[in-house]
PDB file of N, CA and C in Angstrom:
ATOM      1  N   MET A   1      97.463  86.101 170.425  1.00  0.00           N
ATOM      2  CA  MET A   1      97.518  87.542 170.628  1.00  0.00           C
ATOM      3  C   MET A   1      96.877  88.228 169.420  1.00  0.00           C
ATOM      4  N   SER A   2      96.268  89.372 169.659  1.00  0.00           N
ATOM      5  CA  SER A   2      95.640  90.077 168.546  1.00  0.00           C
ATOM      6  C   SER A   2      96.089  91.534 168.505  1.00  0.00           C
ATOM      7  N   ILE A   3      96.008  92.093 167.310  1.00  0.00           N
ATOM      8  CA  ILE A   3      96.345  93.491 167.061  1.00  0.00           C
ATOM      9  C   ILE A   3      95.052  94.185 166.664  1.00  0.00           C
ATOM     10  N   LEU A   4      94.758  95.314 167.288  1.00  0.00           N
ATOM     11  CA  LEU A   4      93.529  96.051 167.015  1.00  0.00           C
ATOM     12  C   LEU A   4      93.796  97.171 166.024  1.00  0.00           C
ATOM     13  N   LEU A   5      92.957  97.233 164.989  1.00  0.00           N
ATOM     14  CA  LEU A   5      93.017  98.294 163.986  1.00  0.00           C
ATOM     15  C   LEU A   5      91.642  98.947 163.928  1.00  0.00           C
ATOM     16  N   ASP A   6      91.548 100.190 164.349  1.00  0.00           N
ATOM     17  CA  ASP A   6      90.278 100.923 164.365  1.00  0.00           C
ATOM     18  C   ASP A   6      90.227 101.857 163.162  1.00  0.00           C
ATOM     19  N   VAL A   7      89.385 101.509 162.182  1.00  0.00           N
ATOM     20  CA  VAL A   7      89.261 102.329 160.980  1.00  0.00           C
ATOM     21  C   VAL A   7      87.861 102.923 160.852  1.00  0.00           C
ATOM     22  N   ARG A   8      87.136 102.956 161.958  1.00  0.00           N
ATOM     23  CA  ARG A   8      85.777 103.518 161.947  1.00  0.00           C
ATOM     24  C   ARG A   8      85.822 104.983 161.545  1.00  0.00           C
ATOM     25  N   GLY A   9      84.925 105.361 160.643  1.00  0.00           N
ATOM     26  CA  GLY A   9      84.768 106.758 160.273  1.00  0.00           C
ATOM     27  C   GLY A   9      85.755 107.272 159.245  1.00  0.00           C
ATOM     28  N   LEU A  10      86.702 106.453 158.808  1.00  0.00           N
ATOM     29  CA  LEU A  10      87.639 106.917 157.786  1.00  0.00           C
ATOM     30  C   LEU A  10      86.950 106.922 156.418  1.00  0.00           C
ATOM     31  N   PRO A  11      87.390 107.797 155.515  1.00  0.00           N
ATOM     32  CA  PRO A  11      86.764 107.875 154.191  1.00  0.00           C
ATOM     33  C   PRO A  11      87.045 106.614 153.369  1.00  0.00           C
ATOM     34  N   PRO A  12      86.220 106.366 152.340  1.00  0.00           N
ATOM     35  CA  PRO A  12      86.393 105.181 151.498  1.00  0.00           C
ATOM     36  C   PRO A  12      87.825 105.008 150.991  1.00  0.00           C
ATOM     37  N   CYS A  13      88.172 103.790 150.877  1.00  0.00           N
ATOM     38  CA  CYS A  13      89.481 103.278 150.455  1.00  0.00           C
ATOM     39  C   CYS A  13      90.485 103.238 151.601  1.00  0.00           C
ATOM     40  N   GLU A  14      90.454 104.210 152.484  1.00  0.00           N
ATOM     41  CA  GLU A  14      91.438 104.236 153.561  1.00  0.00           C
ATOM     42  C   GLU A  14      91.314 103.032 154.507  1.00  0.00           C
ATOM     43  N   PRO A  15      90.103 102.636 154.947  1.00  0.00           N
ATOM     44  CA  PRO A  15      90.016 101.437 155.784  1.00  0.00           C
ATOM     45  C   PRO A  15      90.559 100.194 155.082  1.00  0.00           C
ATOM     46  N   PHE A  16      90.238 100.040 153.811  1.00  0.00           N
ATOM     47  CA  PHE A  16      90.697  98.913 153.012  1.00  0.00           C
ATOM     48  C   PHE A  16      92.227  98.906 152.925  1.00  0.00           C
ATOM     49  N   GLU A  17      92.807 100.049 152.588  1.00  0.00           N
ATOM     50  CA  GLU A  17      94.260 100.163 152.436  1.00  0.00           C
ATOM     51  C   GLU A  17      94.980  99.930 153.762  1.00  0.00           C
ATOM     52  N   ARG A  18      94.463 100.471 154.837  1.00  0.00           N
ATOM     53  CA  ARG A  18      95.098 100.275 156.146  1.00  0.00           C
ATOM     54  C   ARG A  18      95.017  98.815 156.594  1.00  0.00           C
ATOM     55  N   THR A  19      93.884  98.179 156.287  1.00  0.00           N
ATOM     56  CA  THR A  19      93.726  96.767 156.642  1.00  0.00           C
ATOM     57  C   THR A  19      94.733  95.919 155.883  1.00  0.00           C
ATOM     58  N   LEU A  20      94.874  96.139 154.580  1.00  0.00           N
ATOM     59  CA  LEU A  20      95.831  95.374 153.787  1.00  0.00           C
ATOM     60  C   LEU A  20      97.264  95.606 154.251  1.00  0.00           C
ATOM     61  N   ALA A  21      97.599  96.844 154.589  1.00  0.00           N
ATOM     62  CA  ALA A  21      98.945  97.134 155.083  1.00  0.00           C
ATOM     63  C   ALA A  21      99.209  96.404 156.401  1.00  0.00           C
ATOM     64  N   ALA A  22      98.217  96.379 157.279  1.00  0.00           N
ATOM     65  CA  ALA A  22      98.377  95.684 158.565  1.00  0.00           C
ATOM     66  C   ALA A  22      98.511  94.179 158.356  1.00  0.00           C
ATOM     67  N   LEU A  23      97.782  93.630 157.387  1.00  0.00           N
ATOM     68  CA  LEU A  23      97.887  92.196 157.105  1.00  0.00           C
ATOM     69  C   LEU A  23      99.251  91.834 156.542  1.00  0.00           C
ATOM     70  N   ASP A  24      99.836  92.723 155.760  1.00  0.00           N
ATOM     71  CA  ASP A  24     101.173  92.478 155.207  1.00  0.00           C
ATOM     72  C   ASP A  24     102.208  92.341 156.318  1.00  0.00           C
ATOM     73  N   GLU A  25     101.970  92.985 157.444  1.00  0.00           N
ATOM     74  CA  GLU A  25     102.922  92.965 158.557  1.00  0.00           C
ATOM     75  C   GLU A  25     102.468  92.074 159.713  1.00  0.00           C
ATOM     76  N   LEU A  26     101.379  91.337 159.544  1.00  0.00           N
ATOM     77  CA  LEU A  26     100.832  90.509 160.616  1.00  0.00           C
ATOM     78  C   LEU A  26     101.763  89.329 160.900  1.00  0.00           C
ATOM     79  N   PRO A  27     102.294  89.253 162.129  1.00  0.00           N
ATOM     80  CA  PRO A  27     103.166  88.125 162.473  1.00  0.00           C
ATOM     81  C   PRO A  27     102.394  86.809 162.470  1.00  0.00           C
ATOM     82  N   ALA A  28     103.097  85.738 162.167  1.00  0.00           N
ATOM     83  CA  ALA A  28     102.486  84.406 162.165  1.00  0.00           C
ATOM     84  C   ALA A  28     101.896  84.113 163.533  1.00  0.00           C
ATOM     85  N   GLY A  29     100.721  83.519 163.545  1.00  0.00           N
ATOM     86  CA  GLY A  29     100.064  83.146 164.791  1.00  0.00           C
ATOM     87  C   GLY A  29      99.264  84.250 165.458  1.00  0.00           C
ATOM     88  N   GLU A  30      99.295  85.449 164.896  1.00  0.00           N
ATOM     89  CA  GLU A  30      98.538  86.555 165.488  1.00  0.00           C
ATOM     90  C   GLU A  30      97.279  86.833 164.675  1.00  0.00           C
ATOM     91  N   THR A  31      96.358  87.534 165.302  1.00  0.00           N
ATOM     92  CA  THR A  31      95.074  87.881 164.687  1.00  0.00           C
ATOM     93  C   THR A  31      94.962  89.397 164.589  1.00  0.00           C
ATOM     94  N   LEU A  32      94.443  89.860 163.468  1.00  0.00           N
ATOM     95  CA  LEU A  32      94.157  91.286 163.292  1.00  0.00           C
ATOM     96  C   LEU A  32      92.673  91.492 163.542  1.00  0.00           C
ATOM     97  N   GLU A  33      92.339  92.350 164.500  1.00  0.00           N
ATOM     98  CA  GLU A  33      90.950  92.715 164.772  1.00  0.00           C
ATOM     99  C   GLU A  33      90.705  94.087 164.173  1.00  0.00           C
ATOM    100  N   VAL A  34      89.796  94.149 163.219  1.00  0.00           N
ATOM    101  CA  VAL A  34      89.480  95.399 162.539  1.00  0.00           C
ATOM    102  C   VAL A  34      88.117  95.890 163.009  1.00  0.00           C
ATOM    103  N   LEU A  35      88.053  97.118 163.493  1.00  0.00           N
ATOM    104  CA  LEU A  35      86.785  97.769 163.822  1.00  0.00           C
ATOM    105  C   LEU A  35      86.455  98.727 162.688  1.00  0.00           C
ATOM    106  N   ILE A  36      85.255  98.578 162.124  1.00  0.00           N
ATOM    107  CA  ILE A  36      84.870  99.404 160.985  1.00  0.00           C
ATOM    108  C   ILE A  36      83.374  99.721 161.081  1.00  0.00           C
ATOM    109  N   HIS A  37      82.971 100.838 160.519  1.00  0.00           N
ATOM    110  CA  HIS A  37      81.591 101.312 160.643  1.00  0.00           C
ATOM    111  C   HIS A  37      80.649 100.735 159.588  1.00  0.00           C
ATOM    112  N   ARG A  38      81.164  99.984 158.631  1.00  0.00           N
ATOM    113  CA  ARG A  38      80.302  99.320 157.641  1.00  0.00           C
ATOM    114  C   ARG A  38      80.945  97.979 157.297  1.00  0.00           C
ATOM    115  N   GLU A  39      80.135  97.053 156.828  1.00  0.00           N
ATOM    116  CA  GLU A  39      80.691  95.741 156.494  1.00  0.00           C
ATOM    117  C   GLU A  39      81.452  95.828 155.165  1.00  0.00           C
ATOM    118  N   PRO A  40      82.719  95.443 155.149  1.00  0.00           N
ATOM    119  CA  PRO A  40      83.571  95.617 153.972  1.00  0.00           C
ATOM    120  C   PRO A  40      83.521  94.404 153.026  1.00  0.00           C
ATOM    121  N   PHE A  41      82.410  94.228 152.344  1.00  0.00           N
ATOM    122  CA  PHE A  41      82.227  93.057 151.482  1.00  0.00           C
ATOM    123  C   PHE A  41      83.366  92.845 150.481  1.00  0.00           C
ATOM    124  N   PRO A  42      83.912  93.886 149.832  1.00  0.00           N
ATOM    125  CA  PRO A  42      85.008  93.655 148.875  1.00  0.00           C
ATOM    126  C   PRO A  42      86.263  93.038 149.514  1.00  0.00           C
ATOM    127  N   LEU A  43      86.437  93.248 150.794  1.00  0.00           N
ATOM    128  CA  LEU A  43      87.614  92.719 151.478  1.00  0.00           C
ATOM    129  C   LEU A  43      87.586  91.197 151.545  1.00  0.00           C
ATOM    130  N   TYR A  44      86.420  90.608 151.668  1.00  0.00           N
ATOM    131  CA  TYR A  44      86.318  89.167 151.912  1.00  0.00           C
ATOM    132  C   TYR A  44      86.914  88.326 150.782  1.00  0.00           C
ATOM    133  N   GLU A  45      86.662  88.686 149.548  1.00  0.00           N
ATOM    134  CA  GLU A  45      87.218  87.928 148.424  1.00  0.00           C
ATOM    135  C   GLU A  45      88.741  88.014 148.412  1.00  0.00           C
ATOM    136  N   LEU A  46      89.265  89.186 148.707  1.00  0.00           N
ATOM    137  CA  LEU A  46      90.722  89.357 148.758  1.00  0.00           C
ATOM    138  C   LEU A  46      91.331  88.522 149.882  1.00  0.00           C
ATOM    139  N   LEU A  47      90.667  88.474 151.029  1.00  0.00           N
ATOM    140  CA  LEU A  47      91.157  87.649 152.137  1.00  0.00           C
ATOM    141  C   LEU A  47      91.186  86.179 151.720  1.00  0.00           C
ATOM    142  N   ARG A  48      90.144  85.733 151.058  1.00  0.00           N
ATOM    143  CA  ARG A  48      90.068  84.348 150.590  1.00  0.00           C
ATOM    144  C   ARG A  48      91.220  84.051 149.631  1.00  0.00           C
ATOM    145  N   GLU A  49      91.456  84.944 148.683  1.00  0.00           N
ATOM    146  CA  GLU A  49      92.525  84.760 147.695  1.00  0.00           C
ATOM    147  C   GLU A  49      93.906  84.709 148.348  1.00  0.00           C
ATOM    148  N   ARG A  50      94.088  85.455 149.421  1.00  0.00           N
ATOM    149  CA  ARG A  50      95.399  85.530 150.086  1.00  0.00           C
ATOM    150  C   ARG A  50      95.568  84.507 151.209  1.00  0.00           C
ATOM    151  N   GLY A  51      94.572  83.641 151.396  1.00  0.00           N
ATOM    152  CA  GLY A  51      94.716  82.559 152.369  1.00  0.00           C
ATOM    153  C   GLY A  51      94.434  82.931 153.808  1.00  0.00           C
ATOM    154  N   PHE A  52      93.586  83.925 154.025  1.00  0.00           N
ATOM    155  CA  PHE A  52      93.220  84.318 155.381  1.00  0.00           C
ATOM    156  C   PHE A  52      91.850  83.749 155.745  1.00  0.00           C
ATOM    157  N   ALA A  53      91.667  83.506 157.020  1.00  0.00           N
ATOM    158  CA  ALA A  53      90.359  83.146 157.569  1.00  0.00           C
ATOM    159  C   ALA A  53      89.858  84.352 158.356  1.00  0.00           C
ATOM    160  N   TRP A  54      88.537  84.501 158.469  1.00  0.00           N
ATOM    161  CA  TRP A  54      87.996  85.644 159.201  1.00  0.00           C
ATOM    162  C   TRP A  54      86.651  85.300 159.808  1.00  0.00           C
ATOM    163  N   GLN A  55      86.324  86.060 160.828  1.00  0.00           N
ATOM    164  CA  GLN A  55      85.017  85.999 161.473  1.00  0.00           C
ATOM    165  C   GLN A  55      84.527  87.425 161.628  1.00  0.00           C
ATOM    166  N   VAL A  56      83.227  87.601 161.430  1.00  0.00           N
ATOM    167  CA  VAL A  56      82.632  88.933 161.501  1.00  0.00           C
ATOM    168  C   VAL A  56      81.574  88.956 162.598  1.00  0.00           C
ATOM    169  N   ALA A  57      81.610  89.998 163.415  1.00  0.00           N
ATOM    170  CA  ALA A  57      80.587  90.202 164.437  1.00  0.00           C
ATOM    171  C   ALA A  57      80.030  91.608 164.280  1.00  0.00           C
ATOM    172  N   ARG A  58      78.716  91.702 164.209  1.00  0.00           N
ATOM    173  CA  ARG A  58      78.053  93.006 164.177  1.00  0.00           C
ATOM    174  C   ARG A  58      77.829  93.436 165.619  1.00  0.00           C
ATOM    175  N   GLU A  59      78.199  94.664 165.948  1.00  0.00           N
ATOM    176  CA  GLU A  59      78.102  95.157 167.320  1.00  0.00           C
ATOM    177  C   GLU A  59      77.356  96.479 167.362  1.00  0.00           C
ATOM    178  N   ASP A  60      76.756  96.742 168.496  1.00  0.00           N
ATOM    179  CA  ASP A  60      76.140  98.041 168.748  1.00  0.00           C
ATOM    180  C   ASP A  60      77.100  98.827 169.621  1.00  0.00           C
ATOM    181  N   PHE A  61      77.555  99.964 169.134  1.00  0.00           N
ATOM    182  CA  PHE A  61      78.503 100.798 169.865  1.00  0.00           C
ATOM    183  C   PHE A  61      77.862 102.156 170.097  1.00  0.00           C
ATOM    184  N   SER A  62      77.379 102.375 171.308  1.00  0.00           N
ATOM    185  CA  SER A  62      76.752 103.654 171.669  1.00  0.00           C
ATOM    186  C   SER A  62      75.650 104.044 170.685  1.00  0.00           C
ATOM    187  N   GLY A  63      74.839 103.067 170.288  1.00  0.00           N
ATOM    188  CA  GLY A  63      73.725 103.343 169.390  1.00  0.00           C
ATOM    189  C   GLY A  63      74.083 103.317 167.917  1.00  0.00           C
ATOM    190  N   TYR A  64      75.334 103.058 167.595  1.00  0.00           N
ATOM    191  CA  TYR A  64      75.773 102.994 166.197  1.00  0.00           C
ATOM    192  C   TYR A  64      76.231 101.572 165.886  1.00  0.00           C
ATOM    193  N   GLU A  65      75.975 101.153 164.667  1.00  0.00           N
ATOM    194  CA  GLU A  65      76.404  99.823 164.241  1.00  0.00           C
ATOM    195  C   GLU A  65      77.880  99.861 163.855  1.00  0.00           C
ATOM    196  N   GLN A  66      78.598  98.836 164.269  1.00  0.00           N
ATOM    197  CA  GLN A  66      79.979  98.672 163.838  1.00  0.00           C
ATOM    198  C   GLN A  66      80.222  97.183 163.631  1.00  0.00           C
ATOM    199  N   PHE A  67      81.314  96.879 162.960  1.00  0.00           N
ATOM    200  CA  PHE A  67      81.670  95.497 162.700  1.00  0.00           C
ATOM    201  C   PHE A  67      83.060  95.233 163.245  1.00  0.00           C
ATOM    202  N   ARG A  68      83.224  94.061 163.848  1.00  0.00           N
ATOM    203  CA  ARG A  68      84.522  93.605 164.338  1.00  0.00           C
ATOM    204  C   ARG A  68      84.886  92.390 163.486  1.00  0.00           C
ATOM    205  N   ILE A  69      85.981  92.522 162.727  1.00  0.00           N
ATOM    206  CA  ILE A  69      86.412  91.450 161.843  1.00  0.00           C
ATOM    207  C   ILE A  69      87.742  90.924 162.371  1.00  0.00           C
ATOM    208  N   CYS A  70      87.762  89.660 162.743  1.00  0.00           N
ATOM    209  CA  CYS A  70      88.970  89.012 163.254  1.00  0.00           C
ATOM    210  C   CYS A  70      89.568  88.202 162.111  1.00  0.00           C
ATOM    211  N   ILE A  71      90.809  88.540 161.729  1.00  0.00           N
ATOM    212  CA  ILE A  71      91.448  87.948 160.558  1.00  0.00           C
ATOM    213  C   ILE A  71      92.733  87.243 160.993  1.00  0.00           C
ATOM    214  N   SER A  72      92.931  86.030 160.497  1.00  0.00           N
ATOM    215  CA  SER A  72      94.162  85.286 160.779  1.00  0.00           C
ATOM    216  C   SER A  72      94.537  84.477 159.547  1.00  0.00           C
ATOM    217  N   ARG A  73      95.790  84.050 159.506  1.00  0.00           N
ATOM    218  CA  ARG A  73      96.249  83.203 158.411  1.00  0.00           C
ATOM    219  C   ARG A  73      95.708  81.803 158.586  1.00  0.00           C
ATOM    220  N   GLN A  74      95.279  81.179 157.513  1.00  0.00           N
ATOM    221  CA  GLN A  74      94.802  79.797 157.596  1.00  0.00           C
ATOM    222  C   GLN A  74      96.002  78.868 157.726  1.00  0.00           C
ATOM    223  N   GLY A  75      95.739  77.742 158.410  1.00  0.00           N
ATOM    224  CA  GLY A  75      96.776  76.721 158.505  1.00  0.00           C
ATOM    225  C   GLY A  75      97.610  76.820 159.665  1.00  0.00           C
TER     226      GLY A  75
END
């Protein structure tokens, strides 16, 4: 099962903070799907440090680029 978090268009820092808050509450065995309007490179190192795995897909949404990041706990 996955939980969708749409942070497209939010000002800097807010997508990052909301993603981290959602990960803190992510139940075991579930995936967090984050929709965001830019690729969040700083997030990846933090995910690695905290033991998360992720996959990134670049998508075209009505002529605009967005990213779908699927995050889950490793193991």
